[in-house]
């Protein structure tokens, strides 16, 4: 009986591991393919678009994209928007979630109802556009920061994390004469680094990949975020394909990097997030698990 049960568990574990490996392969393949194509010649790409390893190693796509002046202004704009948005967003979550975590706060249920309401309904595209226009923020980096500054989901995670911290810490600090700001920023915030890192990652990825706000609110090329620059590169490559009648083999030597250029741009765009994520991964799971349930 025990032997049969052990065999069943072993079979179950084997199937689980096989599925996990399969999911990992399916998730990693696009990244590996993008890297391989970006470092390959166009001829090698045409011969094998699904390659996993570079063929006919070629850096011409990277040389062309790095020499593009709009790339660096777009990078600068996206970095500014991401840093400012993450900082202001985390500051909002910290100072808002702390009082909401206190049961004695008057109107707490009403405020939480409004937060949840904001997660289900929004003003819509046209009201948001008119709001940005009335504030004089069109065609400015502020228009890329403000619409994504607040998330009800992130606020609830932060509030739940505060509720899970021991109340004895605050009581001991109050006995020593500590004020609320002191308790929040000198005691609770250092203890909240897992959830802060998690919400910071959420916000950073959101700002870095934000494309829609740039399309709606930005007109000047010098204020483009990185995603608008990526769109321009992809549309330019597609136009070359259309000019060739849809036949990639008819592209001339001056257009040889039209497809590999897209993959090189994708690599450059996603590289910063890929480099940052491993350093905060250890906080990510812990922050989600502790912030998703009430302690």
Protein backbone atom coordinates (compact mmCIF):
# COMPACT_ATOMS: atom_id res chain seq x y z
CA UNK A 1 0.00 0.00 0.00
CA UNK A 2 2.76 2.46 1.00
CA UNK A 3 4.76 1.45 -2.07
CA UNK A 4 1.82 2.19 -4.38
CA UNK A 5 1.24 5.53 -2.67
CA UNK A 6 4.92 6.40 -3.06
CA UNK A 7 4.79 5.52 -6.75
CA UNK A 8 1.75 7.75 -7.20
CA UNK A 9 3.52 10.69 -5.55
CA UNK A 10 6.62 10.11 -7.68
CA UNK A 11 4.52 10.06 -10.84
CA UNK A 12 2.73 13.23 -9.72
CA UNK A 13 6.04 14.98 -9.04
CA UNK A 14 7.42 13.85 -12.39
CA UNK A 15 4.44 15.27 -14.25
CA UNK A 16 4.70 18.55 -12.30
CA UNK A 17 8.39 18.94 -13.06
CA UNK A 18 7.79 18.12 -16.71
CA UNK A 19 5.08 20.78 -16.95
CA UNK A 20 7.27 23.35 -15.17
CA UNK A 21 10.15 22.66 -17.55
CA UNK A 22 7.79 22.93 -20.53
CA UNK A 23 6.41 26.28 -19.30
CA UNK A 24 9.95 27.58 -18.69
CA UNK A 25 11.01 26.58 -22.21
CA UNK A 26 7.96 28.25 -23.75
CA UNK A 27 8.63 31.43 -21.78
CA UNK A 28 12.38 31.58 -22.43
CA UNK A 29 12.27 30.70 -26.12
CA UNK A 30 11.11 34.15 -27.35
CA UNK A 31 13.91 35.89 -25.42
CA UNK A 32 16.56 33.49 -26.72
CA UNK A 33 15.24 33.80 -30.28
CA UNK A 34 15.29 37.62 -30.12
CA UNK A 35 18.89 37.61 -28.89
CA UNK A 36 19.99 35.07 -31.50
CA UNK A 37 18.42 36.93 -34.43
CA UNK A 38 19.73 40.31 -33.27
CA UNK A 39 23.32 39.04 -33.44
CA UNK A 40 22.86 37.22 -36.76
CA UNK A 41 23.10 38.37 -40.35
CA UNK A 42 19.94 38.97 -42.30
CA UNK A 43 20.72 36.06 -44.60
CA UNK A 44 20.91 33.72 -41.62
CA UNK A 45 17.61 35.07 -40.33
CA UNK A 46 15.87 34.41 -43.64
CA UNK A 47 17.27 30.87 -43.69
CA UNK A 48 16.19 30.12 -40.09
CA UNK A 49 13.89 32.67 -38.37
CA UNK A 50 13.39 30.32 -35.39
CA UNK A 51 17.08 30.04 -34.51
CA UNK A 52 18.25 29.59 -30.93
CA UNK A 53 21.89 30.48 -31.55
CA UNK A 54 23.38 33.30 -33.67
CA UNK A 55 24.52 32.38 -37.18
CA UNK A 56 26.87 34.50 -39.27
CA UNK A 57 27.58 36.74 -36.26
CA UNK A 58 26.82 40.33 -37.25
CA UNK A 59 26.66 43.55 -35.19
CA UNK A 60 25.43 45.82 -37.98
CA UNK A 61 21.93 46.03 -36.48
CA UNK A 62 23.31 47.20 -33.12
CA UNK A 63 25.63 49.70 -34.80
CA UNK A 64 22.71 51.20 -36.67
CA UNK A 65 20.37 51.38 -33.69
CA UNK A 66 23.01 52.73 -31.26
CA UNK A 67 23.81 55.48 -33.76
CA UNK A 68 20.18 56.58 -33.88
CA UNK A 69 19.91 59.91 -31.96
CA UNK A 70 16.27 59.39 -30.96
CA UNK A 71 17.21 56.20 -29.08
CA UNK A 72 19.12 58.08 -26.41
CA UNK A 73 16.55 60.84 -25.92
CA UNK A 74 13.87 58.15 -25.64
CA UNK A 75 16.01 56.27 -23.14
CA UNK A 76 16.50 59.45 -21.11
CA UNK A 77 12.77 60.22 -21.12
CA UNK A 78 11.80 56.69 -20.10
CA UNK A 79 14.37 56.60 -17.30
CA UNK A 80 13.15 59.96 -15.95
CA UNK A 81 9.51 58.89 -16.13
CA UNK A 82 10.23 55.52 -14.51
CA UNK A 83 12.36 56.89 -11.64
CA UNK A 84 10.01 59.78 -10.84
CA UNK A 85 6.88 57.65 -11.21
CA UNK A 86 8.18 54.83 -9.02
CA UNK A 87 9.41 57.22 -6.32
CA UNK A 88 6.20 59.26 -6.15
CA UNK A 89 4.02 56.16 -6.39
CA UNK A 90 5.79 54.37 -3.54
CA UNK A 91 5.64 57.53 -1.43
CA UNK A 92 1.89 57.71 -2.03
CA UNK A 93 1.38 54.05 -1.12
CA UNK A 94 3.46 54.37 2.05
CA UNK A 95 1.74 57.46 3.46
CA UNK A 96 -1.75 56.33 2.36
CA UNK A 97 -1.62 52.67 3.37
CA UNK A 98 -0.33 53.40 6.89
CA UNK A 99 -3.44 55.25 8.17
CA UNK A 100 -5.74 52.90 6.24
CA UNK A 101 -4.20 49.96 8.13
CA UNK A 102 -5.51 51.40 11.42
CA UNK A 103 -8.94 50.09 12.43
CA UNK A 104 -9.63 53.20 14.50
CA UNK A 105 -9.42 55.47 11.44
CA UNK A 106 -12.81 57.12 10.89
CA UNK A 107 -14.27 56.55 7.45
CA UNK A 108 -11.86 53.69 6.79
CA UNK A 109 -14.48 51.49 5.15
CA UNK A 110 -15.69 54.32 2.93
CA UNK A 111 -12.17 55.11 1.78
CA UNK A 112 -11.45 51.45 1.01
CA UNK A 113 -14.71 51.24 -0.93
CA UNK A 114 -13.58 54.18 -3.05
CA UNK A 115 -10.21 52.52 -3.64
CA UNK A 116 -11.89 49.30 -4.78
CA UNK A 117 -14.30 51.32 -6.94
CA UNK A 118 -11.33 52.91 -8.70
CA UNK A 119 -10.06 49.41 -9.55
CA UNK A 120 -13.33 48.52 -11.29
CA UNK A 121 -14.24 51.79 -13.04
CA UNK A 122 -12.32 54.64 -14.62
CA UNK A 123 -13.19 57.92 -16.27
CA UNK A 124 -12.27 56.67 -19.72
CA UNK A 125 -9.94 57.84 -22.44
CA UNK A 126 -11.66 61.07 -23.48
CA UNK A 127 -12.15 62.48 -19.93
CA UNK A 128 -8.52 61.65 -19.11
CA UNK A 129 -7.34 63.41 -22.27
CA UNK A 130 -9.36 66.53 -21.49
CA UNK A 131 -8.06 66.44 -17.93
CA UNK A 132 -4.45 66.39 -19.12
CA UNK A 133 -5.23 69.20 -21.57
CA UNK A 134 -6.95 71.35 -18.94
CA UNK A 135 -3.93 70.92 -16.67
CA UNK A 136 -1.60 71.96 -19.48
CA UNK A 137 0.27 68.67 -19.35
CA UNK A 138 -0.11 67.53 -22.97
CA UNK A 139 3.19 66.84 -24.70
CA UNK A 140 5.06 66.73 -21.39
CA UNK A 141 6.73 63.98 -19.40
CA UNK A 142 4.31 64.66 -16.54
CA UNK A 143 1.53 63.27 -18.74
CA UNK A 144 3.42 59.96 -18.79
CA UNK A 145 3.79 59.89 -15.00
CA UNK A 146 0.51 61.07 -13.48
CA UNK A 147 -2.07 58.75 -15.15
CA UNK A 148 -0.25 55.65 -13.86
CA UNK A 149 0.78 57.02 -10.49
CA UNK A 150 -1.86 55.28 -8.36
CA UNK A 151 -3.00 51.66 -8.27
CA UNK A 152 -5.71 50.45 -5.91
CA UNK A 153 -4.33 46.92 -6.06
CA UNK A 154 -0.87 48.07 -4.95
CA UNK A 155 -2.37 50.19 -2.16
CA UNK A 156 -4.28 47.18 -0.81
CA UNK A 157 -1.13 45.05 -0.86
CA UNK A 158 0.76 47.72 1.08
CA UNK A 159 -2.07 48.16 3.58
CA UNK A 160 -2.30 44.41 4.21
CA UNK A 161 1.46 44.27 4.74
CA UNK A 162 1.28 46.98 7.40
CA UNK A 163 -1.55 45.12 9.12
CA UNK A 164 0.65 42.04 9.31
CA UNK A 165 3.45 43.82 11.18
CA UNK A 166 3.54 43.37 14.99
CA UNK A 167 1.64 46.12 16.79
CA UNK A 168 4.10 45.86 19.70
CA UNK A 169 6.69 47.69 17.60
CA UNK A 170 4.53 50.80 17.36
CA UNK A 171 3.43 50.60 20.98
CA UNK A 172 7.03 50.44 22.18
CA UNK A 173 7.96 53.40 19.97
CA UNK A 174 5.02 55.46 21.24
CA UNK A 175 6.02 54.76 24.83
CA UNK A 176 9.43 56.24 23.97
CA UNK A 177 7.72 59.34 22.62
CA UNK A 178 7.97 58.62 18.87
CA UNK A 179 5.58 60.47 16.55
CA UNK A 180 3.62 58.87 13.72
CA UNK A 181 5.98 60.09 10.95
CA UNK A 182 8.96 58.78 12.92
CA UNK A 183 7.30 55.38 13.42
CA UNK A 184 6.37 55.17 9.75
CA UNK A 185 9.64 56.19 8.12
CA UNK A 186 12.18 55.00 10.72
CA UNK A 187 10.57 51.75 11.87
CA UNK A 188 7.89 50.47 9.50
CA UNK A 189 9.42 51.44 6.15
CA UNK A 190 12.72 49.55 6.80
CA UNK A 191 10.64 46.51 7.75
CA UNK A 192 8.55 46.86 4.59
CA UNK A 193 11.33 46.51 2.04
CA UNK A 194 9.92 43.27 0.54
CA UNK A 195 6.56 44.84 -0.35
CA UNK A 196 8.22 48.13 -1.36
CA UNK A 197 10.56 46.28 -3.73
CA UNK A 198 7.64 44.30 -5.14
CA UNK A 199 5.44 47.33 -5.77
CA UNK A 200 8.44 49.23 -7.11
CA UNK A 201 9.03 46.44 -9.63
CA UNK A 202 5.37 46.49 -10.67
CA UNK A 203 5.48 50.24 -11.19
CA UNK A 204 8.86 50.24 -12.95
CA UNK A 205 7.79 47.59 -15.46
CA UNK A 206 4.53 49.44 -16.04
CA UNK A 207 6.24 52.76 -16.73
CA UNK A 208 9.00 51.19 -18.80
CA UNK A 209 6.54 49.36 -21.07
CA UNK A 210 3.92 52.13 -21.18
CA UNK A 211 3.05 52.75 -24.79
CA UNK A 212 -0.55 53.96 -24.78
CA UNK A 213 0.02 57.15 -22.76
CA UNK A 214 2.82 58.14 -25.11
CA UNK A 215 0.59 57.72 -28.15
CA UNK A 216 -2.23 59.75 -26.61
CA UNK A 217 -0.39 62.58 -24.84
CA UNK A 218 2.98 63.03 -26.61
CA UNK A 219 3.52 64.82 -29.92
CA UNK A 220 7.16 65.97 -29.90
CA UNK A 221 9.82 63.46 -30.93
CA UNK A 222 12.20 64.74 -28.25
CA UNK A 223 9.65 63.67 -25.59
CA UNK A 224 9.04 60.17 -26.96
CA UNK A 225 9.27 57.33 -24.45
CA UNK A 226 11.20 54.24 -25.45
CA UNK A 227 8.11 52.35 -26.59
CA UNK A 228 7.25 54.99 -29.19
CA UNK A 229 10.76 54.75 -30.56
CA UNK A 230 10.38 50.96 -30.72
CA UNK A 231 7.12 51.39 -32.65
CA UNK A 232 8.87 53.69 -35.11
CA UNK A 233 11.60 51.13 -35.73
CA UNK A 234 9.11 48.29 -36.20
CA UNK A 235 6.91 50.33 -38.54
CA UNK A 236 9.97 51.39 -40.54
CA UNK A 237 11.06 47.79 -40.96
CA UNK A 238 7.53 46.79 -41.95
CA UNK A 239 7.46 49.57 -44.55
CA UNK A 240 10.61 48.15 -46.11
CA UNK A 241 8.99 44.74 -46.28
CA UNK A 242 5.92 46.23 -47.95
CA UNK A 243 8.11 48.09 -50.45
CA UNK A 244 9.68 44.75 -51.34
CA UNK A 245 6.26 43.31 -52.08
CA UNK A 246 6.28 41.19 -48.93
CA UNK A 247 9.29 39.20 -50.18
CA UNK A 248 12.18 39.57 -47.72
CA UNK A 249 14.62 38.11 -50.24
CA UNK A 250 14.15 41.15 -52.51
CA UNK A 251 15.48 43.59 -49.94
CA UNK A 252 18.66 45.31 -51.06
CA UNK A 253 21.95 45.38 -49.19
CA UNK A 254 21.08 48.75 -47.64
CA UNK A 255 17.98 47.16 -46.13
CA UNK A 256 19.65 43.99 -45.01
CA UNK A 257 19.07 44.75 -41.31
CA UNK A 258 15.38 45.68 -41.57
CA UNK A 259 14.28 42.62 -39.60
CA UNK A 260 17.35 42.14 -37.40
CA UNK A 261 17.10 45.84 -36.50
CA UNK A 262 13.74 45.17 -34.85
CA UNK A 263 15.22 42.36 -32.76
CA UNK A 264 18.25 44.46 -31.78
CA UNK A 265 15.93 47.28 -30.68
CA UNK A 266 13.83 44.83 -28.66
CA UNK A 267 16.98 43.58 -26.92
CA UNK A 268 18.14 47.09 -26.03
CA UNK A 269 14.67 48.06 -24.78
CA UNK A 270 14.12 45.06 -22.51
CA UNK A 271 17.72 44.75 -21.25
CA UNK A 272 17.45 47.13 -18.23
CA UNK A 273 14.41 45.35 -16.77
CA UNK A 274 16.05 41.96 -17.28
CA UNK A 275 19.16 43.18 -15.45
CA UNK A 276 17.26 44.69 -12.52
CA UNK A 277 14.81 41.85 -11.87
CA UNK A 278 17.29 39.22 -10.53
CA UNK A 279 18.46 41.61 -7.79
CA UNK A 280 14.98 42.13 -6.34
CA UNK A 281 13.54 38.69 -7.05
CA UNK A 282 14.25 37.60 -3.46
CA UNK A 283 11.95 40.37 -2.21
CA UNK A 284 9.31 39.77 -4.88
CA UNK A 285 7.79 36.47 -3.70
CA UNK A 286 8.04 37.40 -0.02
CA UNK A 287 6.39 40.76 -0.59
CA UNK A 288 3.49 39.28 -2.55
CA UNK A 289 2.87 36.47 -0.08
CA UNK A 290 2.92 38.74 2.98
CA UNK A 291 0.98 41.55 1.36
CA UNK A 292 -1.72 39.42 -0.24
CA UNK A 293 -3.22 38.15 3.04
CA UNK A 294 -4.01 39.88 6.28
CA UNK A 295 -1.60 38.96 9.04
